[in-house]
Amino acid sequence: MIAIPATPSYKPGQVLNYQCALSALSSDPQDGGWQPLGGKPKTASLQVSPTLSPITGTFTW
């Protein structure tokens, strides 16, 4: 989902980039909160293998 302001600064035909990465909500009392999955997370339970790469792309406005 992409939030679009009422008066966007984008012009028709402009190419925009996006990036999407997965994260998880941890209830750990010391390191709780949203954390990325994979890589080197603060919480071992959020470690996944292989490490997830963000999804990137472009679209024309």
Protein backbone atom coordinates (compact mmCIF):
# COMPACT_ATOMS: atom_id res chain seq x y z
CA MET A 1 0.00 0.00 0.00
CA ILE A 2 1.37 3.40 -0.93
CA ALA A 3 -0.08 6.52 0.69
CA ILE A 4 -0.54 9.33 -1.81
CA PRO A 5 -0.92 12.93 -0.66
CA ALA A 6 -3.92 14.97 -1.86
CA THR A 7 -1.56 17.15 -3.92
CA PRO A 8 1.37 14.89 -4.84
CA SER A 9 4.61 16.46 -6.02
CA TYR A 10 4.90 13.79 -8.72
CA LYS A 11 4.30 14.68 -12.32
CA PRO A 12 2.47 12.40 -14.80
CA GLY A 13 4.95 10.14 -16.58
CA GLN A 14 7.52 10.43 -13.78
CA VAL A 15 9.24 7.14 -12.89
CA LEU A 16 9.20 6.40 -9.15
CA ASN A 17 11.19 3.80 -7.20
CA TYR A 18 9.94 1.63 -4.37
CA GLN A 19 11.42 -0.81 -1.88
CA CYS A 20 9.60 -3.34 0.28
CA ALA A 21 11.22 -5.33 3.10
CA LEU A 22 9.64 -7.82 5.49
CA SER A 23 9.70 -7.17 9.22
CA ALA A 24 8.20 -8.78 12.31
CA LEU A 25 6.87 -7.45 15.59
CA SER A 26 8.80 -8.77 18.58
CA SER A 27 7.39 -8.67 22.11
CA ASP A 28 10.85 -9.15 23.66
CA PRO A 29 10.94 -6.98 26.83
CA GLN A 30 14.43 -5.66 26.02
CA ASP A 31 14.43 -5.43 22.22
CA GLY A 32 10.73 -5.41 21.34
CA GLY A 33 9.22 -3.61 18.40
CA TRP A 34 9.39 -3.91 14.62
CA GLN A 35 12.56 -5.56 13.36
CA PRO A 36 13.65 -6.71 9.90
CA LEU A 37 13.59 -10.44 9.18
CA GLY A 38 16.93 -11.97 8.29
CA GLY A 39 20.35 -10.36 8.40
CA LYS A 40 21.41 -9.75 11.98
CA PRO A 41 18.23 -9.10 13.97
CA LYS A 42 18.35 -8.18 17.66
CA THR A 43 16.15 -11.22 18.46
CA ALA A 44 17.41 -14.69 17.45
CA SER A 45 13.86 -15.89 16.71
CA LEU A 46 13.71 -13.41 13.81
CA GLN A 47 16.74 -14.91 12.07
CA VAL A 48 15.79 -16.50 8.75
CA SER A 49 17.92 -18.25 6.19
CA PRO A 50 18.58 -17.45 3.45
CA THR A 51 18.61 -13.75 4.32
CA LEU A 52 15.72 -11.97 2.65
CA SER A 53 16.53 -9.19 0.21
CA PRO A 54 14.21 -6.22 -0.14
CA ILE A 55 11.92 -6.19 -3.17
CA THR A 56 12.64 -3.16 -5.33
CA GLY A 57 11.13 -1.82 -8.50
CA THR A 58 9.85 1.17 -10.40
CA PHE A 59 6.54 2.37 -11.75
CA THR A 60 5.44 5.25 -13.93
CA TRP A 61 3.12 7.72 -12.25
